[in-house]
Amino acid sequence: MIAIAVFLATSFGVVVVGVLLVPVTTTIKVFGQGTQWTMGFNAKILGWHSNHAWRVPMTPAQKVKPTTGFDPKRVSQGFTGLKIYSHFVKTLWDRTSVTNFSCVLYLGLAEAASTALIIGLLNNLLGPWVSLRIAPRSSRRPVYGIYPVWDRVQFQGEFNATIRFRIINLVEASLAALIRAIFLLIHGRYHK
């Protein structure tokens, strides 16, 4: 009887560890023009696939009424939440690989000087991020470009990224974020 219990416990342990080490592949897609954008993602784990897509902006029934006024307590809560989320993303990102990355934007402001200024600013902000964060983790060379449209107002683009991580890495990042939140709560840096 003890041998059967040990066998079952070992088998269960092997299955749990095996599931935690299975890679998850997620593809994120965003494309659109002007004010009409479509966002979606596809997740694959073992034989399970999940696809979701939605249009932005949302319908009026889905919109949340904006709050009015400035509340320093809510701003502090927002920054604390951002710290916790940033910690979660950094922990997960350190264990993530990028299979595919493509980001192409076409931007025009109908005036050459303004268009050039914005294109330069976006390239200075996003270029190093792609070069220093995406490229080292990517198995293929990332495709990235922000292209000017000189003669008319236009905002059009497409973003496509496929990333891989293991479930254990997601659990680890979630636990690290939870520990960070508890630390901030204990030391009085989080306000309810």
Protein backbone atom coordinates (compact mmCIF):
# COMPACT_ATOMS: atom_id res chain seq x y z
CA MET A 1 0.00 0.00 0.00
CA ILE A 2 2.84 2.39 0.82
CA ALA A 3 4.49 1.59 -2.51
CA ILE A 4 1.31 2.56 -4.37
CA ALA A 5 1.05 5.82 -2.40
CA VAL A 6 4.70 6.67 -3.14
CA PHE A 7 4.18 5.82 -6.82
CA LEU A 8 1.07 8.03 -7.04
CA ALA A 9 2.76 10.91 -5.20
CA THR A 10 5.83 10.66 -7.44
CA SER A 11 3.70 10.47 -10.58
CA PHE A 12 1.66 13.48 -9.48
CA GLY A 13 4.87 15.38 -8.72
CA VAL A 14 6.32 14.55 -12.14
CA VAL A 15 3.11 15.66 -13.87
CA VAL A 16 2.97 18.95 -11.90
CA VAL A 17 6.64 19.72 -12.59
CA GLY A 18 6.16 18.76 -16.25
CA VAL A 19 3.19 21.12 -16.61
CA LEU A 20 5.10 23.95 -14.91
CA LEU A 21 7.98 23.54 -17.38
CA VAL A 22 5.79 23.49 -20.51
CA PRO A 23 6.37 26.62 -22.60
CA VAL A 24 3.52 29.02 -23.30
CA THR A 25 3.58 30.77 -26.68
CA THR A 26 1.67 34.02 -26.92
CA THR A 27 1.18 36.15 -30.03
CA ILE A 28 0.03 39.74 -29.63
CA LYS A 29 -1.32 41.64 -32.63
CA VAL A 30 -2.37 45.26 -32.94
CA PHE A 31 -3.24 46.93 -36.22
CA GLY A 32 -5.34 49.80 -37.41
CA GLN A 33 -5.62 53.25 -38.83
CA GLY A 34 -6.80 56.57 -37.41
CA THR A 35 -9.24 55.93 -34.58
CA GLN A 36 -10.14 52.34 -35.55
CA TRP A 37 -7.76 49.74 -34.12
CA THR A 38 -8.03 46.02 -33.58
CA MET A 39 -6.15 44.26 -30.82
CA GLY A 40 -5.87 40.55 -30.22
CA PHE A 41 -3.84 37.73 -28.79
CA ASN A 42 -3.38 34.02 -29.28
CA ALA A 43 -2.08 31.72 -26.54
CA LYS A 44 -0.86 28.14 -27.03
CA ILE A 45 -0.02 25.65 -24.30
CA LEU A 46 0.21 21.93 -24.99
CA GLY A 47 -2.76 21.25 -27.30
CA TRP A 48 -4.88 24.17 -26.05
CA HIS A 49 -5.32 27.33 -28.14
CA SER A 50 -7.09 30.53 -27.16
CA ASN A 51 -7.81 33.46 -29.48
CA HIS A 52 -9.32 36.79 -28.47
CA ALA A 53 -9.70 40.02 -30.43
CA TRP A 54 -11.46 43.31 -29.83
CA ARG A 55 -11.82 46.72 -31.44
CA VAL A 56 -10.59 49.95 -29.91
CA PRO A 57 -12.21 52.32 -29.07
CA MET A 58 -14.90 50.43 -27.24
CA THR A 59 -18.59 51.02 -27.77
CA PRO A 60 -20.17 53.73 -25.56
CA ALA A 61 -21.82 51.04 -23.40
CA GLN A 62 -18.39 49.58 -22.55
CA LYS A 63 -16.74 52.90 -21.69
CA VAL A 64 -16.18 53.72 -18.05
CA LYS A 65 -17.18 57.17 -16.87
CA PRO A 66 -14.09 59.23 -16.11
CA THR A 67 -13.64 60.53 -12.59
CA THR A 68 -13.30 64.23 -12.09
CA GLY A 69 -10.92 66.03 -9.82
CA PHE A 70 -7.47 65.25 -8.53
CA ASP A 71 -7.10 62.81 -5.66
CA PRO A 72 -3.51 62.49 -4.36
CA LYS A 73 -4.38 59.22 -2.59
CA ARG A 74 -5.51 57.63 -5.88
CA VAL A 75 -2.39 58.93 -7.63
CA SER A 76 -0.25 57.33 -4.91
CA GLN A 77 -2.17 54.05 -5.30
CA GLY A 78 -1.63 54.23 -9.06
CA PHE A 79 2.12 54.67 -8.65
CA THR A 80 2.27 51.80 -6.16
CA GLY A 81 0.32 49.58 -8.54
CA LEU A 82 2.67 50.61 -11.34
CA LYS A 83 5.69 49.66 -9.18
CA ILE A 84 4.22 46.22 -8.48
CA TYR A 85 3.26 45.66 -12.14
CA SER A 86 6.69 46.85 -13.29
CA HIS A 87 8.35 44.37 -10.92
CA PHE A 88 6.11 41.57 -12.26
CA VAL A 89 6.90 42.43 -15.91
CA LYS A 90 10.66 42.69 -15.25
CA THR A 91 10.75 39.34 -13.44
CA LEU A 92 8.79 37.60 -16.22
CA TRP A 93 10.68 39.40 -19.01
CA ASP A 94 14.04 38.17 -17.68
CA ARG A 95 12.86 34.61 -18.42
CA THR A 96 11.06 35.25 -21.72
CA SER A 97 12.23 34.64 -25.27
CA VAL A 98 10.93 36.51 -28.33
CA THR A 99 10.21 34.40 -31.39
CA ASN A 100 8.92 37.17 -33.63
CA PHE A 101 8.73 40.97 -33.32
CA SER A 102 7.41 43.45 -35.85
CA CYS A 103 6.39 47.07 -35.27
CA VAL A 104 5.69 49.37 -38.22
CA LEU A 105 4.06 52.79 -37.96
CA TYR A 106 3.15 55.37 -40.60
CA LEU A 107 2.69 58.81 -39.09
CA GLY A 108 1.86 62.14 -40.68
CA LEU A 109 0.81 65.49 -39.25
CA ALA A 110 0.25 67.32 -42.59
CA GLU A 111 3.25 69.54 -41.91
CA ALA A 112 6.80 68.39 -42.60
CA ALA A 113 8.51 70.01 -39.60
CA SER A 114 6.05 68.66 -37.04
CA THR A 115 6.09 65.23 -38.66
CA ALA A 116 9.90 65.12 -38.61
CA LEU A 117 10.01 66.19 -34.96
CA ILE A 118 7.53 63.52 -33.83
CA ILE A 119 9.16 60.79 -35.98
CA GLY A 120 12.57 61.65 -34.50
CA LEU A 121 11.21 61.66 -30.96
CA LEU A 122 9.48 58.29 -31.40
CA ASN A 123 12.60 56.77 -32.99
CA ASN A 124 14.73 58.05 -30.08
CA LEU A 125 12.31 56.57 -27.55
CA LEU A 126 11.43 53.25 -29.20
CA GLY A 127 14.64 52.48 -31.12
CA PRO A 128 16.83 51.82 -28.05
CA TRP A 129 14.03 49.80 -26.45
CA VAL A 130 13.84 47.51 -29.49
CA SER A 131 17.64 47.31 -29.79
CA LEU A 132 18.43 46.77 -26.12
CA ARG A 133 15.38 44.86 -24.86
CA ILE A 134 13.84 43.00 -27.80
CA ALA A 135 16.79 42.14 -30.07
CA PRO A 136 18.88 40.26 -27.45
CA ARG A 137 15.92 37.97 -26.64
CA SER A 138 14.74 37.48 -30.22
CA SER A 139 15.52 34.39 -32.26
CA ARG A 140 14.91 36.41 -35.45
CA ARG A 141 15.95 39.93 -36.26
CA PRO A 142 13.21 42.33 -35.06
CA VAL A 143 11.40 44.38 -37.71
CA TYR A 144 10.93 47.96 -36.58
CA GLY A 145 10.18 51.19 -38.38
CA ILE A 146 8.44 54.51 -38.00
CA TYR A 147 7.87 56.05 -41.40
CA PRO A 148 6.85 59.66 -42.10
CA VAL A 149 3.89 60.65 -44.24
CA TRP A 150 4.71 64.21 -45.21
CA ASP A 151 1.62 65.50 -47.00
CA ARG A 152 -1.39 64.42 -44.92
CA VAL A 153 -2.59 63.51 -41.45
CA GLN A 154 -2.22 59.78 -41.00
CA PHE A 155 -1.68 57.33 -38.16
CA GLN A 156 -1.49 53.74 -39.28
CA GLY A 157 0.46 50.81 -37.95
CA GLU A 158 0.86 47.16 -37.19
CA PHE A 159 2.42 45.46 -34.16
CA ASN A 160 3.03 41.73 -33.97
CA ALA A 161 5.02 39.94 -31.27
CA THR A 162 5.33 36.27 -30.36
CA ILE A 163 6.86 35.51 -26.96
CA ARG A 164 7.55 32.29 -25.06
CA PHE A 165 7.79 31.65 -21.35
CA ARG A 166 7.20 28.75 -19.00
CA ILE A 167 4.30 28.52 -16.56
CA ILE A 168 6.77 28.25 -13.68
CA ASN A 169 8.18 31.65 -14.74
CA LEU A 170 4.67 33.15 -14.64
CA VAL A 171 4.09 31.68 -11.18
CA GLU A 172 7.50 32.95 -10.02
CA ALA A 173 6.82 36.48 -11.35
CA SER A 174 3.37 36.50 -9.71
CA LEU A 175 4.82 35.42 -6.36
CA ALA A 176 7.58 38.04 -6.62
CA ALA A 177 4.96 40.74 -7.31
CA LEU A 178 2.85 39.50 -4.38
CA ILE A 179 5.88 39.62 -2.07
CA ARG A 180 6.66 43.14 -3.32
CA ALA A 181 3.07 44.22 -2.60
CA ILE A 182 3.21 42.74 0.91
CA PHE A 183 6.55 44.49 1.52
CA LEU A 184 5.09 47.83 0.43
CA LEU A 185 2.02 47.23 2.61
CA ILE A 186 4.06 46.32 5.69
CA HIS A 187 6.38 49.31 5.33
CA GLY A 188 3.48 51.72 4.89
CA ARG A 189 4.22 52.62 1.27
CA TYR A 190 0.86 51.33 0.07
CA HIS A 191 -2.33 53.20 0.99
CA LYS A 192 -5.73 51.52 0.86
